[in-house]
N, C-alpha and C. Protein backbone atom coordinates (compact mmCIF):
# COMPACT_ATOMS: atom_id res chain seq x y z
N MET A 1 -18.02 -5.48 -15.00
CA MET A 1 -17.15 -4.99 -14.25
C MET A 1 -15.96 -5.59 -13.57
N ALA A 2 -14.95 -5.22 -14.41
CA ALA A 2 -13.84 -5.86 -14.07
C ALA A 2 -13.68 -7.28 -13.80
N GLY A 3 -14.60 -7.74 -14.68
CA GLY A 3 -14.79 -9.33 -14.43
C GLY A 3 -14.90 -9.70 -13.38
N ILE A 4 -15.86 -9.05 -12.40
CA ILE A 4 -16.19 -9.79 -11.00
C ILE A 4 -17.47 -10.31 -11.27
N THR A 5 -17.82 -11.56 -10.92
CA THR A 5 -19.23 -11.75 -11.84
C THR A 5 -19.91 -12.89 -10.61
N ARG A 6 -19.33 -12.46 -9.30
CA ARG A 6 -19.98 -13.44 -8.21
C ARG A 6 -20.84 -13.21 -7.94
N ASN A 7 -21.72 -13.51 -6.74
CA ASN A 7 -23.28 -13.05 -6.64
C ASN A 7 -23.58 -13.10 -5.15
N VAL A 8 -23.84 -12.35 -4.33
CA VAL A 8 -23.93 -12.40 -2.85
C VAL A 8 -25.43 -12.10 -2.42
N ILE A 9 -25.27 -12.29 -1.23
CA ILE A 9 -26.65 -12.43 -0.15
C ILE A 9 -26.94 -10.79 0.13
N ILE A 10 -28.11 -9.88 0.07
CA ILE A 10 -28.53 -9.23 0.90
C ILE A 10 -29.63 -9.02 1.10
N ARG A 11 -29.71 -8.32 2.34
CA ARG A 11 -30.93 -8.61 2.78
C ARG A 11 -31.83 -7.26 2.54
N ASN A 12 -33.33 -7.68 1.87
CA ASN A 12 -33.99 -6.43 1.48
C ASN A 12 -34.78 -5.63 2.50
N ALA A 13 -34.35 -4.36 2.41
CA ALA A 13 -34.41 -3.25 3.39
C ALA A 13 -36.12 -3.27 3.53
N ARG A 14 -36.54 -3.58 2.22
CA ARG A 14 -38.38 -3.42 2.15
C ARG A 14 -39.07 -4.85 2.78
N THR A 15 -38.17 -5.98 2.30
CA THR A 15 -39.31 -7.24 2.51
C THR A 15 -38.53 -8.49 3.64
N GLY A 16 -37.24 -7.43 4.05
CA GLY A 16 -36.68 -8.33 5.12
C GLY A 16 -35.75 -9.36 4.81
N GLU A 17 -36.36 -9.53 3.99
CA GLU A 17 -35.80 -10.94 2.89
C GLU A 17 -34.14 -11.51 2.71
N ASN A 18 -33.74 -12.45 2.70
CA ASN A 18 -32.59 -12.31 2.14
C ASN A 18 -32.61 -12.64 0.26
N GLU A 19 -31.85 -11.74 -0.18
CA GLU A 19 -31.75 -12.45 -1.46
C GLU A 19 -30.31 -12.29 -2.48
N LEU A 20 -30.08 -13.21 -3.34
CA LEU A 20 -28.94 -13.26 -3.91
C LEU A 20 -29.04 -12.51 -5.10
N VAL A 21 -28.15 -11.49 -5.34
CA VAL A 21 -28.25 -10.82 -6.24
C VAL A 21 -26.06 -10.87 -6.82
N PRO A 22 -26.07 -10.07 -7.82
CA PRO A 22 -24.61 -9.76 -8.68
C PRO A 22 -24.09 -9.14 -7.61
N ILE A 23 -22.74 -8.88 -7.47
CA ILE A 23 -22.48 -8.17 -6.49
C ILE A 23 -22.12 -7.00 -7.28
N ASP A 24 -21.93 -6.59 -8.75
CA ASP A 24 -22.13 -5.62 -9.05
C ASP A 24 -23.26 -4.30 -9.29
N THR A 25 -24.31 -5.42 -8.54
CA THR A 25 -24.96 -3.98 -8.71
C THR A 25 -25.73 -3.59 -7.05
N VAL A 26 -24.39 -4.02 -5.89
CA VAL A 26 -24.77 -3.63 -4.94
C VAL A 26 -23.09 -2.69 -4.50
N ALA A 27 -22.28 -3.26 -5.18
CA ALA A 27 -20.77 -2.83 -4.71
C ALA A 27 -20.69 -1.43 -5.33
N SER A 28 -20.10 -0.73 -4.71
CA SER A 28 -19.36 0.64 -5.71
C SER A 28 -18.19 1.32 -5.11
N SER A 29 -17.67 2.33 -5.57
CA SER A 29 -15.87 2.67 -5.27
C SER A 29 -16.30 3.35 -3.87
N HIS A 30 -16.95 3.80 -3.46
CA HIS A 30 -17.85 4.44 -2.26
C HIS A 30 -17.85 3.20 -1.09
N LEU A 31 -18.29 2.37 -1.29
CA LEU A 31 -18.31 0.96 -0.10
C LEU A 31 -17.14 0.15 -0.52
N ALA A 32 -15.89 0.50 -1.68
CA ALA A 32 -14.47 -0.39 -1.29
C ALA A 32 -14.04 0.72 -0.13
N ARG A 33 -14.73 1.76 -0.56
CA ARG A 33 -13.29 3.15 -0.07
C ARG A 33 -13.48 2.77 1.60
N ARG A 34 -15.03 2.75 2.05
CA ARG A 34 -15.32 2.70 3.47
C ARG A 34 -14.65 1.13 4.08
N THR A 35 -14.80 0.39 3.10
CA THR A 35 -14.20 -1.03 3.82
C THR A 35 -12.79 -1.03 3.79
N PHE A 36 -11.93 -0.31 2.81
CA PHE A 36 -10.77 0.00 3.29
C PHE A 36 -10.56 0.61 4.42
N ILE A 37 -10.88 1.85 4.66
CA ILE A 37 -11.05 2.50 6.09
C ILE A 37 -11.35 1.64 7.07
N GLY A 38 -12.33 0.77 6.81
CA GLY A 38 -12.84 -0.03 8.05
C GLY A 38 -12.08 -0.66 8.89
N ASN A 39 -11.43 -1.63 7.60
CA ASN A 39 -10.38 -2.31 7.74
C ASN A 39 -8.86 -1.90 8.10
N ALA A 40 -8.47 -0.57 7.55
CA ALA A 40 -7.19 -0.92 8.31
C ALA A 40 -7.32 0.08 9.81
N TYR A 41 -8.33 0.35 9.83
CA TYR A 41 -8.69 1.40 11.02
C TYR A 41 -8.84 0.57 12.01
N PHE A 42 -9.40 -0.98 12.12
CA PHE A 42 -9.83 -1.94 13.19
C PHE A 42 -8.15 -2.69 12.90
N LYS A 43 -7.09 -2.30 12.20
CA LYS A 43 -5.73 -3.23 12.71
C LYS A 43 -4.63 -2.49 12.93
N VAL A 44 -5.20 -0.40 12.69
CA VAL A 44 -4.19 0.01 13.14
C VAL A 44 -4.41 0.95 14.01
N SER A 45 -5.63 1.30 14.09
CA SER A 45 -6.64 2.10 15.38
C SER A 45 -5.82 3.32 15.24
N ASP A 46 -5.16 3.99 14.54
CA ASP A 46 -4.76 5.36 14.07
C ASP A 46 -5.59 6.10 13.31
N PRO A 47 -6.17 7.21 13.95
CA PRO A 47 -7.09 7.74 12.76
C PRO A 47 -5.80 8.84 12.23
N ASN A 48 -5.50 9.03 12.77
CA ASN A 48 -4.29 10.42 11.83
C ASN A 48 -3.66 9.49 10.62
N LEU A 49 -3.34 8.20 11.03
CA LEU A 49 -2.51 7.47 9.81
C LEU A 49 -3.73 7.36 8.59
N ILE A 50 -4.78 6.72 9.10
CA ILE A 50 -5.77 6.16 8.58
C ILE A 50 -6.54 7.06 7.23
N GLY A 51 -6.76 8.46 8.18
CA GLY A 51 -7.38 9.67 7.44
C GLY A 51 -6.17 10.24 6.50
N LYS A 52 -4.88 9.93 6.68
CA LYS A 52 -3.62 10.66 5.84
C LYS A 52 -3.95 10.02 4.30
N MET A 53 -3.92 8.08 4.81
CA MET A 53 -4.06 7.03 3.73
C MET A 53 -5.28 7.65 2.40
N SER A 54 -6.74 8.06 3.11
CA SER A 54 -7.40 8.01 2.18
C SER A 54 -7.74 9.20 2.10
N GLY A 55 -7.08 10.30 2.07
CA GLY A 55 -6.91 11.40 1.95
C GLY A 55 -7.58 12.44 2.60
N HIS A 56 -8.38 12.31 3.96
CA HIS A 56 -9.02 13.12 4.59
C HIS A 56 -8.06 14.08 5.13
N VAL A 57 -8.60 15.35 5.37
CA VAL A 57 -7.88 16.12 6.17
C VAL A 57 -8.09 16.09 7.86
N ASP A 58 -7.20 16.50 8.64
CA ASP A 58 -7.31 16.65 10.14
C ASP A 58 -8.40 17.11 10.59
N GLY A 59 -9.56 16.51 11.47
CA GLY A 59 -10.36 16.94 12.09
C GLY A 59 -11.59 16.71 11.29
N SER A 60 -11.09 15.87 10.27
CA SER A 60 -12.56 15.64 9.02
C SER A 60 -13.50 14.85 9.60
N ARG A 61 -15.18 15.96 9.34
CA ARG A 61 -16.13 15.27 10.00
C ARG A 61 -16.61 14.02 9.22
N ALA A 62 -15.95 14.05 8.28
CA ALA A 62 -16.75 12.83 7.42
C ALA A 62 -16.11 11.58 7.79
N PHE A 63 -14.62 11.72 7.64
CA PHE A 63 -13.74 10.72 8.55
C PHE A 63 -14.21 10.03 9.47
N LYS A 64 -14.41 10.98 10.20
CA LYS A 64 -15.18 10.24 11.67
C LYS A 64 -16.56 9.54 11.20
N ARG A 65 -16.94 9.68 10.64
CA ARG A 65 -18.01 8.52 10.18
C ARG A 65 -17.37 7.05 9.97
N TYR A 66 -16.14 7.45 9.28
CA TYR A 66 -16.02 5.80 8.86
C TYR A 66 -15.65 4.63 10.13
N ARG A 67 -14.62 5.92 11.28
CA ARG A 67 -14.79 5.14 12.33
C ARG A 67 -15.57 4.39 12.96
N ASN A 68 -16.99 4.54 12.75
CA ASN A 68 -18.03 3.58 13.72
C ASN A 68 -18.71 2.20 12.62
N ILE A 69 -17.55 2.06 11.09
CA ILE A 69 -17.64 1.53 10.86
C ILE A 69 -17.77 -0.24 11.11
N GLU A 70 -16.99 -0.30 11.87
CA GLU A 70 -17.20 -2.07 12.59
C GLU A 70 -18.61 -2.18 13.42
N ASP A 71 -18.91 -1.05 14.13
CA ASP A 71 -20.40 -1.51 14.53
C ASP A 71 -21.61 -1.56 13.45
N GLU A 72 -21.58 -0.64 12.72
CA GLU A 72 -22.17 -0.83 11.20
C GLU A 72 -22.09 -2.40 10.70
N THR A 73 -20.80 -2.99 11.01
CA THR A 73 -20.50 -4.11 9.82
C THR A 73 -20.92 -5.22 10.82
N LEU A 74 -21.08 -5.26 12.45
CA LEU A 74 -21.55 -6.38 12.99
C LEU A 74 -23.07 -6.35 13.08
N LYS A 75 -23.56 -4.85 12.79
CA LYS A 75 -25.33 -5.00 12.76
C LYS A 75 -25.68 -5.85 11.12
N SER A 76 -24.59 -5.71 10.44
CA SER A 76 -25.39 -5.94 8.96
C SER A 76 -25.35 -7.86 9.14
N VAL A 77 -23.91 -7.76 9.79
CA VAL A 77 -23.83 -9.26 9.88
C VAL A 77 -25.13 -10.44 10.87
N ILE A 78 -25.60 -9.79 11.58
CA ILE A 78 -26.15 -9.97 12.62
C ILE A 78 -27.61 -10.00 11.89
N ASN A 79 -27.88 -8.93 10.72
CA ASN A 79 -28.83 -9.05 10.28
C ASN A 79 -29.29 -9.99 9.14
N LEU A 80 -27.57 -10.34 8.38
CA LEU A 80 -28.02 -11.40 7.42
C LEU A 80 -28.52 -12.61 7.99
N ILE A 81 -27.73 -12.88 9.56
CA ILE A 81 -27.68 -14.28 9.96
C ILE A 81 -29.51 -14.62 10.14
N GLY A 82 -29.69 -13.61 11.14
CA GLY A 82 -31.15 -13.59 11.45
C GLY A 82 -32.14 -13.31 11.16
């Protein structure tokens, strides 16, 4: 996948154990989109601007879900550490 071959640590949802896996087995275009929107929203905090950049229409329910990424990201980091 585009020459990206590094490994990442993920938490196995079944076992609760950390696993080292190739990034191309867990990364997706949707993950990239969510990451972009979450990072941009964290920096800009203007939902109209970020929504327009990501192709969402005003009042999009789907876009509202992206605005919670920061909390989800924090939980993921805590799970990786703990």
